[in-house]
Amino acid sequence: MITKEKKTGVIEANAVHEGDTGSPEVQVAIWTERIRELTEHLKQHPNDDHSRLGMYQLVGKRRRMLDYLAKKDIERYRAIIAKLNIRK
């Protein structure tokens, strides 16, 4: 689970404007951090299928948000995948 301090740091690093907590960039960054933590968890606990299912759902949610962002503003999409080192 992502800690409050880590989540705040992710929000500050990806905020588009002051007080931004819900832009697509921030949401994708938070989901990416959660996916990375779950990936590390699953390396130690390979039979934890409930966590694996949750991670797959997060990956799908992130993918849909990235598709939306690519459709709305391709430059913002390219910037966020480069910043977060997400492959596409």
N, C-alpha and C. Protein backbone atom coordinates (compact mmCIF):
# COMPACT_ATOMS: atom_id res chain seq x y z
N MET A 1 0.84 -1.18 0.00
CA MET A 1 0.00 0.00 0.00
C MET A 1 0.88 1.24 0.00
N ILE A 2 0.51 2.21 -0.75
CA ILE A 2 1.28 3.45 -0.88
C ILE A 2 1.03 4.32 0.36
N THR A 3 2.11 4.85 0.93
CA THR A 3 1.98 5.68 2.12
C THR A 3 1.52 7.08 1.75
N LYS A 4 1.01 7.80 2.74
CA LYS A 4 0.50 9.14 2.50
C LYS A 4 1.62 10.07 2.03
N GLU A 5 2.80 9.94 2.63
CA GLU A 5 3.92 10.80 2.26
C GLU A 5 4.37 10.53 0.82
N LYS A 6 4.41 9.26 0.45
CA LYS A 6 4.82 8.90 -0.91
C LYS A 6 3.79 9.40 -1.92
N LYS A 7 2.51 9.25 -1.58
CA LYS A 7 1.45 9.70 -2.48
C LYS A 7 1.51 11.22 -2.65
N THR A 8 1.74 11.93 -1.56
CA THR A 8 1.86 13.39 -1.63
C THR A 8 3.03 13.79 -2.51
N GLY A 9 4.15 13.08 -2.39
CA GLY A 9 5.31 13.36 -3.24
C GLY A 9 5.02 13.12 -4.70
N VAL A 10 4.30 12.05 -5.00
CA VAL A 10 3.94 11.73 -6.39
C VAL A 10 3.02 12.81 -6.95
N ILE A 11 2.06 13.26 -6.14
CA ILE A 11 1.13 14.30 -6.58
C ILE A 11 1.89 15.59 -6.87
N GLU A 12 2.78 15.99 -5.96
CA GLU A 12 3.54 17.23 -6.15
C GLU A 12 4.44 17.16 -7.38
N ALA A 13 5.02 16.00 -7.64
CA ALA A 13 5.93 15.85 -8.77
C ALA A 13 5.20 15.88 -10.11
N ASN A 14 3.91 15.53 -10.13
CA ASN A 14 3.18 15.42 -11.40
C ASN A 14 2.03 16.40 -11.54
N ALA A 15 1.85 17.29 -10.59
CA ALA A 15 0.74 18.24 -10.64
C ALA A 15 0.93 19.20 -11.81
N VAL A 16 -0.16 19.47 -12.50
CA VAL A 16 -0.14 20.38 -13.64
C VAL A 16 -0.22 21.82 -13.16
N HIS A 17 -0.97 22.06 -12.09
CA HIS A 17 -1.11 23.40 -11.53
C HIS A 17 -1.22 23.29 -10.01
N GLU A 18 -1.24 24.41 -9.33
CA GLU A 18 -1.32 24.45 -7.87
C GLU A 18 -2.61 23.79 -7.38
N GLY A 19 -2.48 22.88 -6.42
CA GLY A 19 -3.65 22.22 -5.85
C GLY A 19 -4.22 21.12 -6.72
N ASP A 20 -3.48 20.69 -7.72
CA ASP A 20 -3.96 19.66 -8.65
C ASP A 20 -3.84 18.29 -8.02
N THR A 21 -4.96 17.58 -7.91
CA THR A 21 -4.93 16.21 -7.39
C THR A 21 -5.68 15.25 -8.29
N GLY A 22 -6.36 15.74 -9.33
CA GLY A 22 -7.19 14.85 -10.13
C GLY A 22 -6.94 14.87 -11.61
N SER A 23 -5.90 15.55 -12.06
CA SER A 23 -5.63 15.56 -13.49
C SER A 23 -5.21 14.16 -13.94
N PRO A 24 -5.36 13.86 -15.22
CA PRO A 24 -4.95 12.54 -15.71
C PRO A 24 -3.49 12.21 -15.39
N GLU A 25 -2.62 13.19 -15.46
CA GLU A 25 -1.20 12.95 -15.17
C GLU A 25 -1.00 12.48 -13.73
N VAL A 26 -1.68 13.13 -12.79
CA VAL A 26 -1.55 12.77 -11.38
C VAL A 26 -2.14 11.38 -11.13
N GLN A 27 -3.30 11.12 -11.70
CA GLN A 27 -3.92 9.81 -11.51
C GLN A 27 -3.05 8.69 -12.06
N VAL A 28 -2.51 8.88 -13.25
CA VAL A 28 -1.64 7.87 -13.85
C VAL A 28 -0.39 7.67 -13.01
N ALA A 29 0.17 8.75 -12.48
CA ALA A 29 1.38 8.64 -11.66
C ALA A 29 1.10 7.86 -10.37
N ILE A 30 -0.03 8.11 -9.73
CA ILE A 30 -0.38 7.40 -8.50
C ILE A 30 -0.58 5.91 -8.80
N TRP A 31 -1.32 5.62 -9.87
CA TRP A 31 -1.55 4.21 -10.23
C TRP A 31 -0.24 3.52 -10.58
N THR A 32 0.67 4.23 -11.25
CA THR A 32 1.96 3.65 -11.61
C THR A 32 2.75 3.29 -10.36
N GLU A 33 2.74 4.15 -9.37
CA GLU A 33 3.45 3.87 -8.13
C GLU A 33 2.85 2.66 -7.41
N ARG A 34 1.53 2.57 -7.39
CA ARG A 34 0.87 1.42 -6.77
C ARG A 34 1.19 0.13 -7.53
N ILE A 35 1.23 0.20 -8.85
CA ILE A 35 1.56 -0.97 -9.66
C ILE A 35 3.00 -1.42 -9.39
N ARG A 36 3.90 -0.48 -9.25
CA ARG A 36 5.30 -0.84 -8.96
C ARG A 36 5.43 -1.50 -7.60
N GLU A 37 4.70 -1.01 -6.61
CA GLU A 37 4.74 -1.62 -5.28
C GLU A 37 4.14 -3.03 -5.31
N LEU A 38 3.04 -3.20 -6.03
CA LEU A 38 2.44 -4.53 -6.14
C LEU A 38 3.34 -5.49 -6.90
N THR A 39 4.06 -5.00 -7.88
CA THR A 39 4.99 -5.84 -8.63
C THR A 39 6.08 -6.38 -7.71
N GLU A 40 6.62 -5.50 -6.85
CA GLU A 40 7.63 -5.95 -5.89
C GLU A 40 7.04 -6.95 -4.90
N HIS A 41 5.82 -6.72 -4.45
CA HIS A 41 5.16 -7.64 -3.54
C HIS A 41 4.99 -9.01 -4.18
N LEU A 42 4.59 -9.03 -5.45
CA LEU A 42 4.34 -10.29 -6.13
C LEU A 42 5.62 -11.06 -6.45
N LYS A 43 6.76 -10.36 -6.48
CA LYS A 43 8.03 -11.08 -6.65
C LYS A 43 8.33 -11.92 -5.42
N GLN A 44 7.95 -11.43 -4.25
CA GLN A 44 8.19 -12.17 -3.01
C GLN A 44 7.08 -13.16 -2.71
N HIS A 45 5.87 -12.89 -3.19
CA HIS A 45 4.70 -13.73 -2.93
C HIS A 45 4.03 -14.09 -4.25
N PRO A 46 4.63 -15.02 -4.99
CA PRO A 46 4.12 -15.32 -6.34
C PRO A 46 2.74 -15.97 -6.37
N ASN A 47 2.27 -16.54 -5.27
CA ASN A 47 0.97 -17.20 -5.27
C ASN A 47 -0.15 -16.32 -4.75
N ASP A 48 0.10 -15.04 -4.55
CA ASP A 48 -0.91 -14.11 -4.04
C ASP A 48 -1.79 -13.65 -5.21
N ASP A 49 -2.77 -14.47 -5.54
CA ASP A 49 -3.60 -14.20 -6.71
C ASP A 49 -4.54 -13.02 -6.51
N HIS A 50 -4.95 -12.75 -5.28
CA HIS A 50 -5.84 -11.61 -5.03
C HIS A 50 -5.12 -10.29 -5.32
N SER A 51 -3.87 -10.18 -4.90
CA SER A 51 -3.10 -8.97 -5.20
C SER A 51 -2.81 -8.87 -6.69
N ARG A 52 -2.57 -10.00 -7.32
CA ARG A 52 -2.31 -10.01 -8.76
C ARG A 52 -3.53 -9.49 -9.54
N LEU A 53 -4.72 -9.92 -9.14
CA LEU A 53 -5.94 -9.46 -9.78
C LEU A 53 -6.10 -7.95 -9.60
N GLY A 54 -5.84 -7.47 -8.38
CA GLY A 54 -5.92 -6.03 -8.13
C GLY A 54 -4.93 -5.25 -8.98
N MET A 55 -3.73 -5.80 -9.16
CA MET A 55 -2.73 -5.13 -9.99
C MET A 55 -3.19 -5.10 -11.45
N TYR A 56 -3.76 -6.20 -11.94
CA TYR A 56 -4.25 -6.22 -13.31
C TYR A 56 -5.36 -5.18 -13.52
N GLN A 57 -6.21 -5.01 -12.52
CA GLN A 57 -7.27 -4.01 -12.62
C GLN A 57 -6.68 -2.60 -12.66
N LEU A 58 -5.63 -2.35 -11.85
CA LEU A 58 -4.97 -1.04 -11.89
C LEU A 58 -4.32 -0.79 -13.23
N VAL A 59 -3.71 -1.82 -13.80
CA VAL A 59 -3.06 -1.67 -15.12
C VAL A 59 -4.11 -1.30 -16.17
N GLY A 60 -5.27 -1.95 -16.12
CA GLY A 60 -6.34 -1.63 -17.07
C GLY A 60 -6.88 -0.23 -16.89
N LYS A 61 -7.03 0.19 -15.64
CA LYS A 61 -7.51 1.53 -15.35
C LYS A 61 -6.52 2.58 -15.87
N ARG A 62 -5.22 2.32 -15.64
CA ARG A 62 -4.18 3.23 -16.12
C ARG A 62 -4.17 3.27 -17.64
N ARG A 63 -4.33 2.11 -18.29
CA ARG A 63 -4.34 2.04 -19.74
C ARG A 63 -5.48 2.85 -20.33
N ARG A 64 -6.68 2.73 -19.73
CA ARG A 64 -7.83 3.49 -20.22
C ARG A 64 -7.60 4.99 -20.06
N MET A 65 -7.01 5.42 -18.94
CA MET A 65 -6.74 6.84 -18.73
C MET A 65 -5.69 7.33 -19.72
N LEU A 66 -4.68 6.53 -20.00
CA LEU A 66 -3.67 6.92 -20.98
C LEU A 66 -4.26 7.00 -22.39
N ASP A 67 -5.17 6.09 -22.71
CA ASP A 67 -5.85 6.16 -24.02
C ASP A 67 -6.67 7.44 -24.14
N TYR A 68 -7.36 7.79 -23.06
CA TYR A 68 -8.13 9.03 -23.04
C TYR A 68 -7.21 10.23 -23.25
N LEU A 69 -6.09 10.25 -22.53
CA LEU A 69 -5.16 11.37 -22.63
C LEU A 69 -4.55 11.46 -24.03
N ALA A 70 -4.26 10.32 -24.64
CA ALA A 70 -3.71 10.33 -26.00
C ALA A 70 -4.72 10.88 -26.99
N LYS A 71 -6.00 10.59 -26.76
CA LYS A 71 -7.04 11.08 -27.65
C LYS A 71 -7.26 12.59 -27.48
N LYS A 72 -7.16 13.07 -26.24
CA LYS A 72 -7.42 14.48 -25.96
C LYS A 72 -6.22 15.38 -26.27
N ASP A 73 -5.03 14.95 -25.83
CA ASP A 73 -3.84 15.80 -25.98
C ASP A 73 -2.60 14.90 -26.08
N ILE A 74 -2.15 14.65 -27.29
CA ILE A 74 -1.07 13.70 -27.53
C ILE A 74 0.24 14.15 -26.90
N GLU A 75 0.48 15.45 -26.80
CA GLU A 75 1.73 15.94 -26.21
C GLU A 75 1.78 15.66 -24.71
N ARG A 76 0.68 15.85 -24.02
CA ARG A 76 0.63 15.52 -22.58
C ARG A 76 0.82 14.02 -22.38
N TYR A 77 0.23 13.21 -23.27
CA TYR A 77 0.39 11.76 -23.22
C TYR A 77 1.85 11.37 -23.36
N ARG A 78 2.51 11.91 -24.36
CA ARG A 78 3.92 11.58 -24.59
C ARG A 78 4.79 12.03 -23.43
N ALA A 79 4.47 13.19 -22.85
CA ALA A 79 5.25 13.69 -21.73
C ALA A 79 5.12 12.78 -20.51
N ILE A 80 3.91 12.34 -20.22
CA ILE A 80 3.71 11.53 -19.00
C ILE A 80 4.31 10.13 -19.16
N ILE A 81 4.22 9.51 -20.34
CA ILE A 81 4.82 8.18 -20.46
C ILE A 81 6.35 8.26 -20.44
N ALA A 82 6.90 9.37 -20.94
CA ALA A 82 8.35 9.55 -20.86
C ALA A 82 8.79 9.81 -19.42
N LYS A 83 8.04 10.62 -18.70
CA LYS A 83 8.39 10.97 -17.32
C LYS A 83 8.31 9.76 -16.40
N LEU A 84 7.27 8.93 -16.58
CA LEU A 84 7.06 7.79 -15.70
C LEU A 84 7.74 6.52 -16.21
N ASN A 85 8.36 6.60 -17.39
CA ASN A 85 9.04 5.46 -17.97
C ASN A 85 8.07 4.28 -18.17
N ILE A 86 6.92 4.58 -18.79
CA ILE A 86 5.93 3.57 -19.10
C ILE A 86 6.10 3.21 -20.56
N ARG A 87 6.10 1.94 -20.88
CA ARG A 87 6.26 1.54 -22.28
C ARG A 87 4.91 1.49 -22.97
N LYS A 88 4.90 1.83 -24.22
CA LYS A 88 3.67 1.73 -25.02
C LYS A 88 4.08 1.54 -26.45
